[in-house]
Structure formats: structure tokens, C-alpha cells
Amino acid sequence: MTWRAALTRRYREAANPLHTERRIELLVLSLFLLLILQLAYGAFRLAVLSTPEAVLPAADSLQVLTSLSLDTVTSEQSSEIRDRPLLWPDRRPIAGIALETAPSEVNAEELKELQDIELRGVFGSGDAAGIIVLVKNNPRRIRLAEEVDGWKLESVGVNEAVFAAGSRRAKLVLQNQPIKPVGRSTIKSERGR
């Protein structure tokens, strides 16, 4: 008897318990053969397919640039860097934009009327611009077109504010305040409070 005849006779059993067992065995054997075929096909594809060629980095990306020392920055370049607006993407100052009604000179009489107002800061841009002032030693935020002591805030520049009262114009310029150094005695006295 050949192996083929023995195999077919094995799976032609007519008795019910053996018949069901043989069918399950045939199903498991078929699934195992299918798995072996899939693994063989996958191994064949891996062997036949070529791997992609490596891309070498550009020669200039492998060179280390020398860093600039602080001596190479001139004072003019340093002041240009400080004048650039910090939070703008292109970091260049606005060129060619002037205040529409910027007064060339401020009358001493007008300054007397604004002597109780001290410009402490500028904020915002466009229509949302405003200033921070001390009015009679009380801090206040004033937006464009708001009034303080009869003077209406007309425009805000980078470090100045222009007020108008009727046909009169006055300009307040932001003064740089010196930074006071903090020493150990100052810190101790602050903690003692």
C-alpha cells in the first residue's frame, strides 16, 4: 500500500467520532501548510527585493562652523540688534512710518499742563495701543482716544505718546530709568519687613 492510498483511507473513515476528528485534523494540516507557504513566499520576497541605497549627507553639513567672538560685533551692529523688535518674526525695525501728527516742538506751556503725567511704558500695537502713566503718582493704563486731565491720547510711538487738547499737541517721551543694583543689605532689609 502506498502512502497516498493510506492517507486517503485515513480521511475516508465513515464512523462518526473518527470522521469528525479526521476532518478537524485535515483542517489544521491545511492551515499549517498555508502558513508554511506564506513564510516561504515572504522569505523569497525579502531575498529578491533590493534594499534602498543609502543617501549620504551633504559635505557642507559635516563641516563645523567657527563661532564668532564678541569682538567681531561692532558697536553699530550691537545697537542695531538692540533696536530690533524682539517678538517679531523678521526682527527688523519699522522703517518709513511716521506719526501722522507728530509735533516738531513742544511748547513749554503745554508741558506745564502735562507735568502731573509721567510716561512709564508703552504697550500694544495698532488700534489696541496704549500707555502706562503715573497721574499724580497713581499708575494708570490709557488706551488710544482715552482722556486724562483733559488731554486725549492721540497716538503712541515706540517710546513716546502724543496728546491732543483741541488744536494743541504735546508729546511725552519715555525716559530710561537707571537700574538700581540689589545688594545683600537690601535683600536682608526686604526680608525683615
N, C-alpha and C. Protein backbone atom coordinates (compact mmCIF):
# COMPACT_ATOMS: atom_id res chain seq x y z
N MET A 1 0.84 -1.16 0.00
CA MET A 1 0.00 0.00 0.00
C MET A 1 0.89 1.24 0.00
N THR A 2 0.55 2.18 -0.82
CA THR A 2 1.34 3.40 -0.95
C THR A 2 0.89 4.42 0.09
N TRP A 3 1.70 5.47 0.29
CA TRP A 3 1.37 6.50 1.28
C TRP A 3 0.16 7.30 0.87
N ARG A 4 -0.05 7.39 -0.47
CA ARG A 4 -1.21 8.15 -0.93
C ARG A 4 -2.49 7.38 -0.58
N ALA A 5 -2.50 6.14 -0.80
CA ALA A 5 -3.69 5.33 -0.51
C ALA A 5 -3.96 5.31 0.99
N ALA A 6 -2.87 5.25 1.80
CA ALA A 6 -3.05 5.24 3.26
C ALA A 6 -3.62 6.58 3.74
N LEU A 7 -3.19 7.66 3.12
CA LEU A 7 -3.68 9.00 3.52
C LEU A 7 -5.14 9.17 3.16
N THR A 8 -5.54 8.76 1.96
CA THR A 8 -6.95 8.89 1.57
C THR A 8 -7.84 7.97 2.40
N ARG A 9 -7.35 6.76 2.73
CA ARG A 9 -8.14 5.84 3.55
C ARG A 9 -8.32 6.40 4.96
N ARG A 10 -7.28 7.13 5.47
CA ARG A 10 -7.36 7.71 6.81
C ARG A 10 -8.48 8.74 6.90
N TYR A 11 -8.65 9.52 5.84
CA TYR A 11 -9.65 10.59 5.90
C TYR A 11 -11.00 10.18 5.30
N ARG A 12 -11.19 8.89 4.94
CA ARG A 12 -12.48 8.41 4.46
C ARG A 12 -13.18 7.54 5.49
N GLU A 13 -12.80 7.66 6.71
CA GLU A 13 -13.44 6.87 7.76
C GLU A 13 -14.92 7.25 7.81
N ALA A 14 -15.77 6.28 7.97
CA ALA A 14 -17.20 6.53 7.98
C ALA A 14 -17.76 6.61 9.39
N ALA A 15 -17.04 6.09 10.34
CA ALA A 15 -17.54 6.15 11.71
C ALA A 15 -17.56 7.59 12.18
N ASN A 16 -18.62 8.00 12.85
CA ASN A 16 -18.85 9.40 13.19
C ASN A 16 -17.77 10.00 14.10
N PRO A 17 -17.35 9.40 15.22
CA PRO A 17 -16.34 10.08 16.02
C PRO A 17 -15.02 10.21 15.27
N LEU A 18 -14.62 9.23 14.53
CA LEU A 18 -13.38 9.32 13.78
C LEU A 18 -13.50 10.28 12.60
N HIS A 19 -14.67 10.29 12.00
CA HIS A 19 -14.89 11.17 10.83
C HIS A 19 -14.71 12.64 11.22
N THR A 20 -15.27 13.08 12.35
CA THR A 20 -15.17 14.48 12.79
C THR A 20 -13.74 14.80 13.20
N GLU A 21 -13.09 13.88 13.89
CA GLU A 21 -11.71 14.11 14.29
C GLU A 21 -10.80 14.24 13.08
N ARG A 22 -11.03 13.41 12.07
CA ARG A 22 -10.19 13.43 10.88
C ARG A 22 -10.41 14.73 10.09
N ARG A 23 -11.63 15.22 10.07
CA ARG A 23 -11.91 16.49 9.36
C ARG A 23 -11.19 17.65 10.06
N ILE A 24 -11.20 17.71 11.37
CA ILE A 24 -10.51 18.77 12.12
C ILE A 24 -9.01 18.66 11.89
N GLU A 25 -8.52 17.41 11.89
CA GLU A 25 -7.09 17.19 11.64
C GLU A 25 -6.71 17.66 10.25
N LEU A 26 -7.56 17.41 9.26
CA LEU A 26 -7.30 17.85 7.89
C LEU A 26 -7.31 19.38 7.80
N LEU A 27 -8.21 20.03 8.50
CA LEU A 27 -8.29 21.49 8.51
C LEU A 27 -7.03 22.09 9.13
N VAL A 28 -6.58 21.55 10.25
CA VAL A 28 -5.38 22.06 10.91
C VAL A 28 -4.16 21.85 10.02
N LEU A 29 -4.09 20.68 9.37
CA LEU A 29 -2.98 20.40 8.46
C LEU A 29 -2.97 21.36 7.27
N SER A 30 -4.16 21.66 6.74
CA SER A 30 -4.26 22.61 5.62
C SER A 30 -3.81 24.01 6.04
N LEU A 31 -4.22 24.44 7.22
CA LEU A 31 -3.80 25.77 7.71
C LEU A 31 -2.30 25.82 7.96
N PHE A 32 -1.73 24.72 8.46
CA PHE A 32 -0.28 24.67 8.68
C PHE A 32 0.47 24.75 7.36
N LEU A 33 -0.01 24.07 6.34
CA LEU A 33 0.62 24.13 5.01
C LEU A 33 0.51 25.55 4.42
N LEU A 34 -0.64 26.20 4.64
CA LEU A 34 -0.81 27.58 4.16
C LEU A 34 0.17 28.52 4.86
N LEU A 35 0.38 28.33 6.15
CA LEU A 35 1.34 29.15 6.89
C LEU A 35 2.76 28.94 6.37
N ILE A 36 3.13 27.69 6.12
CA ILE A 36 4.46 27.39 5.58
C ILE A 36 4.64 28.05 4.22
N LEU A 37 3.60 28.04 3.37
CA LEU A 37 3.68 28.68 2.05
C LEU A 37 3.85 30.19 2.18
N GLN A 38 3.13 30.81 3.11
CA GLN A 38 3.26 32.25 3.30
C GLN A 38 4.65 32.62 3.79
N LEU A 39 5.20 31.86 4.72
CA LEU A 39 6.55 32.14 5.20
C LEU A 39 7.58 31.97 4.08
N ALA A 40 7.40 30.96 3.25
CA ALA A 40 8.32 30.75 2.13
C ALA A 40 8.23 31.90 1.13
N TYR A 41 7.00 32.36 0.85
CA TYR A 41 6.83 33.48 -0.09
C TYR A 41 7.44 34.77 0.49
N GLY A 42 7.25 35.03 1.79
CA GLY A 42 7.83 36.21 2.41
C GLY A 42 9.35 36.18 2.39
N ALA A 43 9.93 35.01 2.65
CA ALA A 43 11.40 34.89 2.60
C ALA A 43 11.90 35.10 1.18
N PHE A 44 11.17 34.59 0.20
CA PHE A 44 11.56 34.78 -1.20
C PHE A 44 11.53 36.27 -1.58
N ARG A 45 10.48 36.98 -1.16
CA ARG A 45 10.39 38.42 -1.49
C ARG A 45 11.51 39.21 -0.82
N LEU A 46 11.85 38.85 0.42
CA LEU A 46 12.95 39.54 1.09
C LEU A 46 14.28 39.30 0.38
N ALA A 47 14.46 38.11 -0.12
CA ALA A 47 15.72 37.78 -0.80
C ALA A 47 15.80 38.45 -2.16
N VAL A 48 14.67 38.58 -2.85
CA VAL A 48 14.67 39.11 -4.22
C VAL A 48 14.68 40.63 -4.23
N LEU A 49 13.90 41.26 -3.34
CA LEU A 49 13.81 42.72 -3.35
C LEU A 49 15.13 43.33 -2.95
N SER A 50 15.49 44.42 -3.61
CA SER A 50 16.74 45.11 -3.26
C SER A 50 16.47 46.15 -2.18
N THR A 51 17.44 46.39 -1.37
CA THR A 51 17.32 47.41 -0.34
C THR A 51 17.60 48.77 -0.95
N PRO A 52 16.98 49.84 -0.41
CA PRO A 52 17.25 51.18 -0.97
C PRO A 52 18.68 51.60 -0.68
N GLU A 53 19.21 52.40 -1.58
CA GLU A 53 20.57 52.88 -1.41
C GLU A 53 20.62 53.96 -0.34
N ALA A 54 21.68 53.99 0.40
CA ALA A 54 21.85 54.99 1.45
C ALA A 54 22.12 56.35 0.83
N VAL A 55 21.55 57.40 1.42
CA VAL A 55 21.77 58.77 0.97
C VAL A 55 22.82 59.38 1.89
N LEU A 56 23.92 59.77 1.31
CA LEU A 56 24.99 60.35 2.11
C LEU A 56 24.68 61.81 2.41
N PRO A 57 25.08 62.32 3.57
CA PRO A 57 24.83 63.74 3.90
C PRO A 57 25.68 64.64 3.02
N ALA A 58 25.20 65.86 2.84
CA ALA A 58 25.95 66.83 2.06
C ALA A 58 27.26 67.16 2.77
N ALA A 59 28.27 67.47 1.98
CA ALA A 59 29.60 67.73 2.55
C ALA A 59 29.59 68.94 3.49
N ASP A 60 28.83 69.99 3.13
CA ASP A 60 28.83 71.19 3.96
C ASP A 60 28.11 70.99 5.29
N SER A 61 27.24 69.97 5.39
CA SER A 61 26.57 69.73 6.66
C SER A 61 27.49 69.04 7.67
N LEU A 62 28.59 68.50 7.21
CA LEU A 62 29.53 67.83 8.09
C LEU A 62 30.61 68.76 8.61
N GLN A 63 30.68 69.96 8.06
CA GLN A 63 31.70 70.91 8.50
C GLN A 63 31.20 71.69 9.70
N VAL A 64 32.06 71.90 10.65
CA VAL A 64 31.71 72.67 11.84
C VAL A 64 32.11 74.12 11.60
N LEU A 65 31.14 75.02 11.75
CA LEU A 65 31.41 76.43 11.55
C LEU A 65 32.10 77.00 12.78
N THR A 66 32.99 77.93 12.55
CA THR A 66 33.63 78.60 13.68
C THR A 66 32.67 79.64 14.23
N SER A 67 32.58 79.75 15.52
CA SER A 67 31.68 80.72 16.12
C SER A 67 32.34 82.09 16.14
N LEU A 68 31.50 83.11 16.08
CA LEU A 68 32.01 84.48 16.09
C LEU A 68 32.32 84.88 17.53
N SER A 69 33.41 85.52 17.71
CA SER A 69 33.71 86.02 19.04
C SER A 69 32.99 87.35 19.24
N LEU A 70 32.89 87.78 20.47
CA LEU A 70 32.19 89.03 20.75
C LEU A 70 32.93 90.24 20.21
N ASP A 71 34.21 90.10 19.94
CA ASP A 71 34.99 91.22 19.42
C ASP A 71 34.63 91.55 17.98
N THR A 72 34.01 90.64 17.25
CA THR A 72 33.70 90.89 15.85
C THR A 72 32.44 91.72 15.67
N VAL A 73 31.63 91.89 16.70
CA VAL A 73 30.42 92.70 16.62
C VAL A 73 30.78 94.14 16.97
N THR A 74 30.56 95.03 16.01
CA THR A 74 30.87 96.43 16.26
C THR A 74 29.77 97.06 17.12
N SER A 75 30.04 98.23 17.62
CA SER A 75 29.04 98.91 18.45
C SER A 75 27.81 99.28 17.62
N GLU A 76 28.01 99.59 16.34
CA GLU A 76 26.88 99.91 15.46
C GLU A 76 26.00 98.67 15.26
N GLN A 77 26.62 97.52 15.05
CA GLN A 77 25.86 96.28 14.90
C GLN A 77 25.15 95.93 16.21
N SER A 78 25.80 96.16 17.30
CA SER A 78 25.21 95.87 18.60
C SER A 78 23.97 96.73 18.84
N SER A 79 24.04 98.01 18.51
CA SER A 79 22.87 98.87 18.70
C SER A 79 21.76 98.50 17.72
N GLU A 80 22.11 98.04 16.52
CA GLU A 80 21.10 97.60 15.57
C GLU A 80 20.36 96.37 16.10
N ILE A 81 21.10 95.46 16.71
CA ILE A 81 20.48 94.26 17.29
C ILE A 81 19.54 94.64 18.43
N ARG A 82 19.96 95.59 19.26
CA ARG A 82 19.10 96.01 20.39
C ARG A 82 17.86 96.74 19.91
N ASP A 83 17.94 97.44 18.76
CA ASP A 83 16.80 98.21 18.27
C ASP A 83 15.74 97.35 17.59
N ARG A 84 16.08 96.12 17.25
CA ARG A 84 15.10 95.27 16.57
C ARG A 84 14.00 94.86 17.53
N PRO A 85 12.75 94.87 17.08
CA PRO A 85 11.67 94.38 17.95
C PRO A 85 11.87 92.90 18.22
N LEU A 86 11.81 92.52 19.47
CA LEU A 86 12.18 91.17 19.89
C LEU A 86 11.20 90.11 19.43
N LEU A 87 9.91 90.36 19.47
CA LEU A 87 8.93 89.32 19.24
C LEU A 87 8.38 89.29 17.81
N TRP A 88 8.98 90.02 16.91
CA TRP A 88 8.53 89.97 15.52
C TRP A 88 9.30 88.89 14.80
N PRO A 89 8.66 88.18 13.86
CA PRO A 89 9.35 87.08 13.18
C PRO A 89 10.56 87.53 12.37
N ASP A 90 10.46 88.67 11.70
CA ASP A 90 11.59 89.11 10.88
C ASP A 90 12.56 89.99 11.64
N ARG A 91 12.22 90.44 12.81
CA ARG A 91 13.08 91.20 13.73
C ARG A 91 13.76 92.39 13.05
N ARG A 92 13.07 93.12 12.29
CA ARG A 92 13.60 94.34 11.69
C ARG A 92 12.72 95.51 12.15
N PRO A 93 13.33 96.68 12.37
CA PRO A 93 12.51 97.82 12.80
C PRO A 93 11.65 98.31 11.65
N ILE A 94 10.54 98.91 12.03
CA ILE A 94 9.66 99.50 11.02
C ILE A 94 10.35 100.74 10.48
N ALA A 95 10.46 100.79 9.16
CA ALA A 95 11.13 101.94 8.53
C ALA A 95 10.11 102.73 7.72
N GLY A 96 10.19 104.00 7.80
CA GLY A 96 9.36 104.86 6.96
C GLY A 96 7.98 105.16 7.51
N ILE A 97 7.62 104.70 8.69
CA ILE A 97 6.31 105.00 9.26
C ILE A 97 6.50 106.13 10.27
N ALA A 98 5.84 107.22 10.02
CA ALA A 98 5.95 108.37 10.91
C ALA A 98 4.59 108.66 11.51
N LEU A 99 4.58 109.28 12.65
CA LEU A 99 3.32 109.68 13.26
C LEU A 99 2.66 110.72 12.37
N GLU A 100 1.33 110.59 12.24
CA GLU A 100 0.61 111.50 11.36
C GLU A 100 0.68 112.94 11.86
N THR A 101 0.55 113.12 13.13
CA THR A 101 0.54 114.46 13.67
C THR A 101 1.64 114.63 14.72
N ALA A 102 2.81 114.15 14.40
CA ALA A 102 3.92 114.26 15.35
C ALA A 102 4.37 115.73 15.41
N PRO A 103 4.32 116.32 16.57
CA PRO A 103 4.74 117.72 16.67
C PRO A 103 6.26 117.82 16.61
N SER A 104 6.73 118.87 15.97
CA SER A 104 8.17 119.05 15.87
C SER A 104 8.74 119.61 17.16
N GLU A 105 8.01 120.50 17.79
CA GLU A 105 8.46 121.07 19.05
C GLU A 105 7.29 121.13 20.02
N VAL A 106 7.59 120.98 21.28
CA VAL A 106 6.56 121.03 22.30
C VAL A 106 6.70 122.37 23.03
N ASN A 107 5.60 123.01 23.17
CA ASN A 107 5.55 124.30 23.84
C ASN A 107 5.77 124.09 25.35
N ALA A 108 6.56 124.94 25.99
CA ALA A 108 6.84 124.83 27.42
C ALA A 108 5.56 124.97 28.24
N GLU A 109 4.61 125.77 27.75
CA GLU A 109 3.34 125.96 28.45
C GLU A 109 2.53 124.66 28.46
N GLU A 110 2.59 123.92 27.34
CA GLU A 110 1.87 122.65 27.26
C GLU A 110 2.50 121.62 28.19
N LEU A 111 3.83 121.66 28.31
CA LEU A 111 4.50 120.72 29.20
C LEU A 111 4.11 120.97 30.65
N LYS A 112 3.85 122.22 31.01
CA LYS A 112 3.42 122.52 32.36
C LYS A 112 2.09 121.86 32.65
N GLU A 113 1.21 121.84 31.63
CA GLU A 113 -0.10 121.24 31.83
C GLU A 113 0.00 119.72 31.97
N LEU A 114 1.04 119.10 31.39
CA LEU A 114 1.23 117.66 31.47
C LEU A 114 2.26 117.26 32.53
N GLN A 115 2.61 118.18 33.40
CA GLN A 115 3.67 117.88 34.37
C GLN A 115 3.24 116.85 35.41
N ASP A 116 1.95 116.68 35.63
CA ASP A 116 1.47 115.68 36.58
C ASP A 116 1.37 114.30 35.95
N ILE A 117 1.67 114.19 34.67
CA ILE A 117 1.58 112.92 33.96
C ILE A 117 3.00 112.49 33.59
N GLU A 118 3.39 111.30 34.03
CA GLU A 118 4.73 110.77 33.73
C GLU A 118 4.57 109.47 32.96
N LEU A 119 5.15 109.43 31.76
CA LEU A 119 5.07 108.23 30.92
C LEU A 119 6.00 107.15 31.47
N ARG A 120 5.42 105.97 31.78
CA ARG A 120 6.21 104.88 32.35
C ARG A 120 6.35 103.69 31.41
N GLY A 121 5.46 103.56 30.40
CA GLY A 121 5.56 102.42 29.50
C GLY A 121 4.61 102.55 28.33
N VAL A 122 4.88 101.76 27.29
CA VAL A 122 4.07 101.72 26.08
C VAL A 122 3.70 100.26 25.85
N PHE A 123 2.44 99.99 25.43
CA PHE A 123 2.04 98.61 25.17
C PHE A 123 1.13 98.55 23.96
N GLY A 124 1.01 97.33 23.38
CA GLY A 124 0.10 97.08 22.26
C GLY A 124 0.63 97.59 20.94
N SER A 125 -0.26 97.49 19.93
CA SER A 125 0.08 97.97 18.59
C SER A 125 -1.21 98.29 17.85
N GLY A 126 -1.11 99.12 16.84
CA GLY A 126 -2.28 99.48 16.04
C GLY A 126 -3.33 100.19 16.86
N ASP A 127 -4.59 99.74 16.70
CA ASP A 127 -5.69 100.35 17.45
C ASP A 127 -5.73 99.92 18.91
N ALA A 128 -5.01 98.87 19.25
CA ALA A 128 -5.01 98.37 20.63
C ALA A 128 -3.85 98.91 21.43
N ALA A 129 -3.19 99.95 20.93
CA ALA A 129 -2.03 100.51 21.63
C ALA A 129 -2.48 101.35 22.82
N GLY A 130 -1.56 101.51 23.74
CA GLY A 130 -1.84 102.33 24.90
C GLY A 130 -0.56 102.63 25.65
N ILE A 131 -0.70 103.34 26.75
CA ILE A 131 0.46 103.71 27.54
C ILE A 131 0.18 103.45 29.02
N ILE A 132 1.25 103.39 29.77
CA ILE A 132 1.16 103.28 31.22
C ILE A 132 1.76 104.57 31.77
N VAL A 133 0.97 105.29 32.57
CA VAL A 133 1.42 106.58 33.08
C VAL A 133 1.22 106.64 34.59
N LEU A 134 1.94 107.59 35.18
CA LEU A 134 1.68 107.94 36.57
C LEU A 134 0.99 109.29 36.54
N VAL A 135 -0.25 109.32 36.98
CA VAL A 135 -1.00 110.57 37.05
C VAL A 135 -1.09 110.94 38.52
N LYS A 136 -0.35 111.98 38.88
CA LYS A 136 -0.27 112.42 40.27
C LYS A 136 0.12 111.24 41.18
N ASN A 137 1.16 110.52 40.73
CA ASN A 137 1.74 109.37 41.42
C ASN A 137 0.80 108.16 41.55
N ASN A 138 -0.25 108.11 40.73
CA ASN A 138 -1.14 106.94 40.67
C ASN A 138 -0.97 106.26 39.31
N PRO A 139 -0.61 104.98 39.28
CA PRO A 139 -0.44 104.32 37.98
C PRO A 139 -1.78 104.12 37.27
N ARG A 140 -1.72 104.27 35.94
CA ARG A 140 -2.93 104.16 35.14
C ARG A 140 -2.58 103.67 33.74
N ARG A 141 -3.46 102.88 33.15
CA ARG A 141 -3.31 102.44 31.76
C ARG A 141 -4.29 103.25 30.91
N ILE A 142 -3.77 103.82 29.85
CA ILE A 142 -4.60 104.66 28.99
C ILE A 142 -4.50 104.13 27.56
N ARG A 143 -5.63 103.88 26.94
CA ARG A 143 -5.66 103.41 25.55
C ARG A 143 -5.87 104.60 24.62
N LEU A 144 -5.65 104.35 23.33
CA LEU A 144 -5.85 105.41 22.33
C LEU A 144 -7.26 105.99 22.46
N ALA A 145 -7.37 107.28 22.31
CA ALA A 145 -8.62 108.06 22.33
C ALA A 145 -9.19 108.23 23.74
N GLU A 146 -8.52 107.73 24.78
CA GLU A 146 -8.97 107.98 26.15
C GLU A 146 -8.38 109.31 26.62
N GLU A 147 -9.04 109.91 27.61
CA GLU A 147 -8.60 111.21 28.10
C GLU A 147 -8.03 111.09 29.51
N VAL A 148 -7.09 111.98 29.78
CA VAL A 148 -6.54 112.11 31.11
C VAL A 148 -6.26 113.60 31.34
N ASP A 149 -6.83 114.14 32.38
CA ASP A 149 -6.69 115.56 32.73
C ASP A 149 -7.00 116.48 31.53
N GLY A 150 -8.02 116.14 30.75
CA GLY A 150 -8.42 116.98 29.62
C GLY A 150 -7.60 116.75 28.36
N TRP A 151 -6.62 115.91 28.39
CA TRP A 151 -5.78 115.60 27.22
C TRP A 151 -6.17 114.22 26.69
N LYS A 152 -6.38 114.13 25.39
CA LYS A 152 -6.77 112.89 24.74
C LYS A 152 -5.53 112.24 24.13
N LEU A 153 -5.34 110.95 24.39
CA LEU A 153 -4.20 110.23 23.82
C LEU A 153 -4.47 110.03 22.33
N GLU A 154 -3.65 110.69 21.53
CA GLU A 154 -3.85 110.71 20.09
C GLU A 154 -3.09 109.61 19.36
N SER A 155 -1.81 109.40 19.71
CA SER A 155 -1.03 108.35 19.06
C SER A 155 0.07 107.88 20.00
N VAL A 156 0.53 106.66 19.72
CA VAL A 156 1.57 106.05 20.53
C VAL A 156 2.71 105.64 19.61
N GLY A 157 3.92 106.07 19.96
CA GLY A 157 5.10 105.67 19.19
C GLY A 157 5.87 104.61 19.94
N VAL A 158 7.08 104.34 19.46
CA VAL A 158 7.90 103.31 20.09
C VAL A 158 8.25 103.67 21.52
N ASN A 159 8.60 104.93 21.76
CA ASN A 159 8.95 105.35 23.12
C ASN A 159 8.37 106.72 23.44
N GLU A 160 7.20 107.02 22.84
CA GLU A 160 6.58 108.32 23.09
C GLU A 160 5.07 108.23 22.93
N ALA A 161 4.40 109.24 23.46
CA ALA A 161 2.95 109.33 23.36
C ALA A 161 2.60 110.77 23.02
N VAL A 162 1.66 110.95 22.09
CA VAL A 162 1.24 112.28 21.67
C VAL A 162 -0.18 112.52 22.18
N PHE A 163 -0.35 113.63 22.91
CA PHE A 163 -1.64 114.01 23.45
C PHE A 163 -2.16 115.22 22.69
N ALA A 164 -3.48 115.35 22.64
CA ALA A 164 -4.10 116.49 21.98
C ALA A 164 -5.20 117.04 22.88
N ALA A 165 -5.27 118.36 22.90
CA ALA A 165 -6.36 119.05 23.60
C ALA A 165 -6.78 120.17 22.68
N GLY A 166 -7.86 119.94 21.90
CA GLY A 166 -8.27 120.91 20.90
C GLY A 166 -7.24 120.96 19.78
N SER A 167 -6.68 122.15 19.54
CA SER A 167 -5.66 122.29 18.50
C SER A 167 -4.25 122.15 19.06
N ARG A 168 -4.12 122.03 20.35
CA ARG A 168 -2.80 121.90 20.97
C ARG A 168 -2.34 120.45 20.99
N ARG A 169 -1.07 120.26 20.83
CA ARG A 169 -0.45 118.93 20.85
C ARG A 169 0.70 118.94 21.85
N ALA A 170 0.89 117.82 22.53
CA ALA A 170 2.02 117.67 23.45
C ALA A 170 2.51 116.23 23.36
N LYS A 171 3.80 116.10 23.53
CA LYS A 171 4.41 114.77 23.42
C LYS A 171 5.13 114.43 24.72
N LEU A 172 4.89 113.22 25.23
CA LEU A 172 5.63 112.70 26.37
C LEU A 172 6.59 111.65 25.86
N VAL A 173 7.83 111.74 26.27
CA VAL A 173 8.85 110.79 25.84
C VAL A 173 9.19 109.88 27.02
N LEU A 174 9.32 108.60 26.72
CA LEU A 174 9.66 107.61 27.73
C LEU A 174 11.12 107.78 28.12
N GLN A 175 11.36 108.03 29.39
CA GLN A 175 12.72 108.23 29.88
C GLN A 175 13.26 106.90 30.40
N ASN A 176 14.49 106.60 30.05
CA ASN A 176 15.13 105.39 30.58
C ASN A 176 15.46 105.60 32.04
N GLN A 177 15.04 104.65 32.86
CA GLN A 177 15.29 104.72 34.29
C GLN A 177 16.52 103.88 34.60
N PRO A 178 17.42 104.37 35.43
CA PRO A 178 18.58 103.56 35.79
C PRO A 178 18.15 102.37 36.64
N ILE A 179 18.85 101.26 36.46
CA ILE A 179 18.56 100.06 37.24
C ILE A 179 19.38 100.12 38.51
N LYS A 180 18.71 100.03 39.63
CA LYS A 180 19.40 100.10 40.91
C LYS A 180 19.92 98.72 41.26
N PRO A 181 21.21 98.60 41.57
CA PRO A 181 21.74 97.28 41.93
C PRO A 181 21.19 96.84 43.27
N VAL A 182 20.94 95.55 43.37
CA VAL A 182 20.41 94.98 44.60
C VAL A 182 21.56 94.32 45.33
N GLY A 183 21.83 94.79 46.52
CA GLY A 183 22.91 94.21 47.32
C GLY A 183 22.34 93.33 48.41
N ARG A 184 23.23 92.71 49.17
CA ARG A 184 22.80 91.82 50.25
C ARG A 184 22.05 92.58 51.33
N SER A 185 22.47 93.81 51.62
CA SER A 185 21.81 94.58 52.68
C SER A 185 20.38 94.92 52.28
N THR A 186 20.15 95.19 50.98
CA THR A 186 18.80 95.48 50.51
C THR A 186 17.91 94.26 50.62
N ILE A 187 18.46 93.09 50.28
CA ILE A 187 17.67 91.86 50.34
C ILE A 187 17.33 91.55 51.80
N LYS A 188 18.29 91.71 52.71
CA LYS A 188 18.03 91.43 54.13
C LYS A 188 16.96 92.37 54.68
N SER A 189 17.02 93.65 54.28
CA SER A 189 16.03 94.60 54.78
C SER A 189 14.64 94.29 54.22
N GLU A 190 14.58 93.76 52.99
CA GLU A 190 13.29 93.38 52.40
C GLU A 190 12.71 92.19 53.14
N ARG A 191 13.56 91.22 53.52
CA ARG A 191 13.07 90.05 54.23
C ARG A 191 12.61 90.40 55.64
N GLY A 192 13.21 91.43 56.22
CA GLY A 192 12.86 91.81 57.59
C GLY A 192 11.51 92.46 57.69
N ARG A 193 10.94 92.90 56.61
CA ARG A 193 9.64 93.60 56.66
C ARG A 193 8.52 92.68 56.97
